[in-house]
Amino acid sequence: MVNPFTLTLQASDALGIQNAYLFLLLAFTTGPVFLLLGFLRDPTMLFSLKRAKNAAFSGMWKHISGPIDERYARFKAPLLKEASGVVLDLGSGLGPNLKYFDASKITRLILVEPNPGMHEGLRASARKAGFAKDQFEIVPCGAEERAKVEELTGLGKGSVDCVVSVLALCGIPDSRHVIAALYEYIKPGGRFIYFEHVASKDSATRKQQEFMTPYWRSLFNGCCLNRPTDQFILECYPWSEKQTYTCDFETQKCLDVKSYGWARKPRTTGSTTGRDTTGLSYADVVKES
């Protein structure tokens, strides 16, 4: 059976309606329903705004993550199958992207997902994607909580072969700090793979993103439409290789335009590419803030 939201997305495309407006309408109409359902299951949620918002978002996301995944599958699949070794996946959600990984190439999969409402679905997705019970782990905190992530996982400098971020860094507080830490985690020769909402390069669209972001961020788990995440990744650190793309059906006039690609950390110093080959350390980024 076709998901009704898939049909709605297709209709909005045919009519030339911005999908961002559709998502906002969905959040305003269904969010309160899932909030009420969450409260009925756990009345103590009334005393925690964060838990209430997590419950509303996870309830809604269970219904729309599938259609969104289908929409971008042909872009994500060839990108994610390259992940190997020790893989750190940010904002894993319900795990819709795990089926694109090649489990036989991954020795350890670290799934960072702070929303407890996602964990049951995420665990099921990992098993369905072919990951053994001792091959993956769920880290129940945000990527911005660096000390806690390292305490729970044992991660440190040069300990990860591949970092993956799919629609995650757009919603992480202080994402520049997080990206700086992630760069340090990546081993020489390792990769940073991303698929993210990014700020539009069209000035009029960028203004609309700036206007919508406070509302969007509140409804969609902190996601920021106006964050130049692709620039934060590709232009602030030394890479020996990098590739970046945009989805062929999205222009810079799209309010939720995506950028995706990968970058490889140099195996040796001096073999870099990009405008900034000096790089920023985690300490540099903290100092600039």
Protein backbone atom coordinates (compact mmCIF):
# COMPACT_ATOMS: atom_id res chain seq x y z
CA MET A 1 0.00 0.00 0.00
CA VAL A 2 1.34 3.43 -0.98
CA ASN A 3 2.00 5.77 1.93
CA PRO A 4 -0.42 8.75 1.72
CA PHE A 5 2.47 11.10 2.38
CA THR A 6 4.29 9.75 -0.69
CA LEU A 7 1.26 10.67 -2.81
CA THR A 8 1.14 14.10 -1.17
CA LEU A 9 4.80 14.72 -1.99
CA GLN A 10 4.25 13.69 -5.59
CA ALA A 11 1.23 15.98 -5.85
CA SER A 12 3.12 18.95 -4.40
CA ASP A 13 5.93 18.37 -6.91
CA ALA A 14 3.44 18.27 -9.80
CA LEU A 15 1.79 21.49 -8.61
CA GLY A 16 5.10 23.25 -7.95
CA ILE A 17 4.43 23.67 -4.23
CA GLN A 18 7.45 23.95 -1.93
CA ASN A 19 7.72 20.76 0.13
CA ALA A 20 8.85 22.79 3.13
CA TYR A 21 5.36 24.29 3.39
CA LEU A 22 3.88 20.81 3.23
CA PHE A 23 6.11 19.63 6.09
CA LEU A 24 5.11 22.63 8.22
CA LEU A 25 1.43 21.92 7.62
CA LEU A 26 1.96 18.30 8.56
CA ALA A 27 3.77 19.24 11.76
CA PHE A 28 1.08 21.70 12.85
CA THR A 29 -1.76 19.25 12.17
CA THR A 30 -0.31 15.92 13.34
CA GLY A 31 2.22 17.01 15.97
CA PRO A 32 -0.45 17.70 18.64
CA VAL A 33 -2.01 14.28 17.96
CA PHE A 34 1.25 12.45 18.61
CA LEU A 35 1.92 14.67 21.61
CA LEU A 36 -1.43 13.63 23.11
CA LEU A 37 -0.76 9.95 22.41
CA GLY A 38 2.63 10.23 24.08
CA PHE A 39 1.08 11.91 27.11
CA LEU A 40 -1.53 9.15 27.42
CA ARG A 41 1.25 6.55 27.47
CA ASP A 42 3.35 8.52 29.93
CA PRO A 43 1.64 11.37 31.83
CA THR A 44 4.93 12.45 33.44
CA MET A 45 5.88 13.79 30.01
CA LEU A 46 3.82 16.85 30.95
CA PHE A 47 6.70 17.99 33.18
CA SER A 48 9.40 17.84 30.47
CA LEU A 49 9.13 20.00 27.35
CA LYS A 50 12.07 18.18 25.77
CA ARG A 51 10.49 14.74 26.26
CA ALA A 52 7.15 16.01 24.96
CA LYS A 53 8.73 17.45 21.80
CA ASN A 54 10.73 14.25 21.27
CA ALA A 55 7.57 12.17 21.54
CA ALA A 56 5.66 14.36 19.07
CA PHE A 57 8.51 14.36 16.57
CA SER A 58 9.27 10.63 16.78
CA GLY A 59 5.57 9.82 16.35
CA MET A 60 5.32 11.98 13.25
CA TRP A 61 8.68 10.84 11.89
CA LYS A 62 7.62 7.18 11.92
CA HIS A 63 5.07 8.06 9.24
CA ILE A 64 7.08 10.44 7.05
CA SER A 65 10.63 9.04 7.22
CA GLY A 66 9.79 6.26 4.74
CA PRO A 67 8.54 8.54 1.95
CA ILE A 68 11.44 10.95 2.49
CA ASP A 69 13.89 8.05 2.34
CA GLU A 70 12.33 6.80 -0.92
CA ARG A 71 12.55 10.28 -2.40
CA TYR A 72 16.32 10.47 -1.95
CA ALA A 73 17.24 6.78 -2.13
CA ARG A 74 19.02 6.97 -5.50
CA PHE A 75 21.34 9.66 -4.17
CA LYS A 76 22.04 8.09 -0.79
CA ALA A 77 22.51 4.45 -1.83
CA PRO A 78 25.78 4.76 -3.81
CA LEU A 79 27.13 7.18 -1.22
CA LEU A 80 26.51 5.07 1.87
CA LYS A 81 27.62 1.73 0.44
CA GLU A 82 31.19 3.07 0.54
CA ALA A 83 31.21 3.26 4.35
CA SER A 84 33.55 0.69 5.90
CA GLY A 85 35.54 -0.18 9.02
CA VAL A 86 34.55 1.68 12.17
CA VAL A 87 31.58 3.86 11.17
CA LEU A 88 30.09 6.68 13.24
CA ASP A 89 26.55 7.54 12.11
CA LEU A 90 25.00 10.77 13.41
CA GLY A 91 21.32 11.29 14.16
CA SER A 92 20.42 7.78 13.06
CA GLY A 93 16.71 8.22 13.80
CA LEU A 94 14.71 5.11 12.95
CA GLY A 95 17.56 3.78 10.81
CA PRO A 96 16.11 4.16 7.28
CA ASN A 97 19.61 4.59 5.87
CA LEU A 98 21.08 1.41 7.35
CA LYS A 99 19.86 -0.72 4.45
CA TYR A 100 22.22 1.20 2.15
CA PHE A 101 25.29 0.19 4.17
CA ASP A 102 27.23 -2.96 3.31
CA ALA A 103 27.27 -4.72 6.69
CA SER A 104 30.07 -7.04 5.54
CA LYS A 105 32.41 -4.03 5.17
CA ILE A 106 31.68 -2.55 8.61
CA THR A 107 33.44 -3.84 11.72
CA ARG A 108 31.73 -1.52 14.21
CA LEU A 109 28.69 0.71 13.69
CA ILE A 110 28.15 3.49 16.23
CA LEU A 111 24.64 4.96 16.00
CA VAL A 112 24.30 8.33 17.73
CA GLU A 113 20.61 9.01 18.42
CA PRO A 114 19.49 11.13 21.40
CA ASN A 115 15.73 10.61 20.98
CA PRO A 116 14.71 7.50 22.97
CA GLY A 117 11.50 7.27 20.96
CA MET A 118 13.61 6.22 17.97
CA HIS A 119 15.68 3.48 19.60
CA GLU A 120 13.35 0.52 19.21
CA GLY A 121 12.86 1.20 15.51
CA LEU A 122 16.57 1.90 15.04
CA ARG A 123 17.52 -1.41 16.65
CA ALA A 124 15.06 -3.28 14.40
CA SER A 125 16.39 -1.51 11.29
CA ALA A 126 19.98 -2.45 12.15
CA ARG A 127 19.08 -6.12 12.52
CA LYS A 128 17.04 -6.04 9.29
CA ALA A 129 20.01 -4.48 7.47
CA GLY A 130 22.17 -7.48 8.42
CA PHE A 131 24.09 -6.11 11.39
CA ALA A 132 24.81 -8.61 14.16
CA LYS A 133 23.88 -7.73 17.73
CA ASP A 134 27.52 -7.18 18.72
CA GLN A 135 28.31 -5.25 15.51
CA PHE A 136 26.33 -2.09 16.31
CA GLU A 137 25.57 0.07 19.34
CA ILE A 138 23.16 2.91 20.00
CA VAL A 139 24.57 5.95 21.78
CA PRO A 140 21.68 7.68 23.62
CA CYS A 141 22.95 11.25 23.56
CA GLY A 142 23.54 14.09 21.14
CA ALA A 143 26.71 14.38 19.08
CA GLU A 144 27.29 17.79 20.65
CA GLU A 145 27.83 16.05 24.02
CA ARG A 146 31.40 15.20 23.11
CA ALA A 147 32.57 14.08 26.54
CA LYS A 148 29.60 11.76 26.95
CA VAL A 149 29.97 10.29 23.46
CA GLU A 150 33.63 9.53 24.13
CA GLU A 151 32.85 8.07 27.54
CA LEU A 152 30.20 5.73 26.12
CA THR A 153 32.13 4.68 23.00
CA GLY A 154 35.82 5.11 23.78
CA LEU A 155 36.26 7.24 20.67
CA GLY A 156 39.26 9.53 20.36
CA LYS A 157 41.54 11.05 17.75
CA GLY A 158 42.03 8.85 14.72
CA SER A 159 39.63 6.13 15.89
CA VAL A 160 36.99 6.18 13.12
CA ASP A 161 37.27 5.10 9.49
CA CYS A 162 34.13 6.84 8.33
CA VAL A 163 31.73 9.49 9.65
CA VAL A 164 28.23 9.53 8.17
CA SER A 165 25.72 12.37 8.58
CA VAL A 166 22.37 12.17 6.81
CA LEU A 167 20.03 15.07 7.63
CA ALA A 168 21.62 15.25 11.07
CA LEU A 169 24.08 18.14 11.30
CA CYS A 170 21.32 20.55 10.28
CA GLY A 171 19.69 19.83 13.63
CA ILE A 172 22.66 19.52 15.98
CA PRO A 173 23.37 22.52 18.24
CA ASP A 174 26.81 24.04 17.70
CA SER A 175 27.35 21.93 14.59
CA ARG A 176 30.68 23.62 13.83
CA HIS A 177 32.04 22.33 17.14
CA VAL A 178 30.71 18.87 16.33
CA ILE A 179 32.26 18.84 12.85
CA ALA A 180 35.60 19.87 14.34
CA ALA A 181 35.43 16.93 16.77
CA LEU A 182 34.38 14.56 13.98
CA TYR A 183 37.36 15.60 11.86
CA GLU A 184 39.66 14.68 14.73
CA TYR A 185 37.97 11.28 15.11
CA ILE A 186 38.58 10.37 11.44
CA LYS A 187 41.71 8.34 10.75
CA PRO A 188 44.17 9.51 8.08
CA GLY A 189 42.68 8.34 4.79
CA GLY A 190 39.20 8.07 6.34
CA ARG A 191 36.05 9.61 4.94
CA PHE A 192 33.36 12.08 5.91
CA ILE A 193 30.12 11.23 4.07
CA TYR A 194 27.20 13.64 4.26
CA PHE A 195 23.70 14.32 2.91
CA GLU A 196 22.34 17.51 4.45
CA HIS A 197 19.91 20.42 4.32
CA VAL A 198 21.99 23.48 3.47
CA ALA A 199 21.61 27.22 3.08
CA SER A 200 20.50 28.22 -0.42
CA LYS A 201 22.89 30.18 -2.61
CA ASP A 202 19.93 32.15 -3.98
CA SER A 203 19.62 35.36 -1.94
CA ALA A 204 15.81 35.59 -2.06
CA THR A 205 15.42 31.95 -1.04
CA ARG A 206 18.00 32.40 1.70
CA LYS A 207 15.90 35.21 3.17
CA GLN A 208 12.87 32.90 3.23
CA GLN A 209 14.97 30.24 4.94
CA GLU A 210 16.05 32.76 7.56
CA PHE A 211 12.41 33.68 8.22
CA MET A 212 11.18 30.07 8.41
CA THR A 213 14.03 28.55 10.41
CA PRO A 214 12.83 29.52 13.94
CA TYR A 215 9.48 27.79 13.32
CA TRP A 216 11.03 24.89 11.44
CA ARG A 217 13.64 24.33 14.16
CA SER A 218 10.98 24.19 16.86
CA LEU A 219 8.83 21.66 14.99
CA PHE A 220 11.52 19.45 13.46
CA ASN A 221 13.83 18.50 16.28
CA GLY A 222 16.17 21.49 15.95
CA CYS A 223 16.68 21.30 12.17
CA CYS A 224 17.94 24.57 10.64
CA LEU A 225 17.17 25.24 6.98
CA ASN A 226 19.65 28.12 6.76
CA ARG A 227 22.83 26.41 7.96
CA PRO A 228 25.71 26.17 5.40
CA THR A 229 26.71 22.71 6.60
CA ASP A 230 28.39 21.80 3.31
CA GLN A 231 30.74 24.77 3.68
CA PHE A 232 31.44 23.93 7.34
CA ILE A 233 32.56 20.45 6.26
CA LEU A 234 34.33 21.04 2.96
CA GLU A 235 35.93 24.46 3.31
CA CYS A 236 37.23 24.54 6.88
CA TYR A 237 39.43 21.44 6.98
CA PRO A 238 42.20 19.90 4.88
CA TRP A 239 41.02 17.09 2.58
CA SER A 240 43.02 15.13 0.02
CA GLU A 241 39.88 14.53 -2.09
CA LYS A 242 36.31 15.76 -2.00
CA GLN A 243 33.15 15.58 -4.09
CA THR A 244 29.90 17.47 -3.64
CA TYR A 245 26.58 17.23 -5.48
CA THR A 246 22.98 18.46 -5.39
CA CYS A 247 19.82 16.47 -6.15
CA ASP A 248 18.84 16.91 -9.78
CA PHE A 249 15.23 17.85 -8.99
CA GLU A 250 16.12 20.56 -6.45
CA THR A 251 17.32 24.02 -7.42
CA GLN A 252 18.74 26.75 -5.21
CA LYS A 253 15.20 28.17 -5.04
CA CYS A 254 14.15 25.14 -3.01
CA LEU A 255 13.68 26.04 0.66
CA ASP A 256 14.99 22.66 1.84
CA VAL A 257 17.70 22.19 -0.79
CA LYS A 258 20.15 19.35 -0.09
CA SER A 259 23.88 18.98 -0.63
CA TYR A 260 25.59 15.61 -0.50
CA GLY A 261 29.03 14.15 -1.07
CA TRP A 262 32.17 13.02 0.68
CA ALA A 263 35.66 14.13 1.64
CA ARG A 264 38.76 12.11 2.45
CA LYS A 265 41.21 13.06 5.17
CA PRO A 266 44.83 13.23 3.97
CA ARG A 267 46.98 10.18 4.65
CA THR A 268 49.98 12.47 4.95
CA THR A 269 50.39 16.20 5.56
CA GLY A 270 50.61 18.37 2.49
CA SER A 271 48.29 16.31 0.25
CA THR A 272 45.26 18.56 0.58
CA THR A 273 42.64 20.20 -1.60
CA GLY A 274 40.18 23.05 -1.11
CA ARG A 275 40.38 26.75 -0.29
CA ASP A 276 41.52 26.26 3.29
CA THR A 277 44.33 23.74 3.57
CA THR A 278 45.43 24.74 7.03
CA GLY A 279 42.35 23.34 8.77
CA LEU A 280 40.72 24.19 12.04
CA SER A 281 41.18 22.13 15.17
CA TYR A 282 38.43 21.62 17.71
CA ALA A 283 40.18 24.13 19.96
CA ASP A 284 40.28 26.70 17.10
CA VAL A 285 36.56 26.42 16.52
CA VAL A 286 35.77 26.77 20.22
CA LYS A 287 38.05 29.83 20.39
CA GLU A 288 36.29 31.47 17.42
CA SER A 289 32.81 31.01 18.92
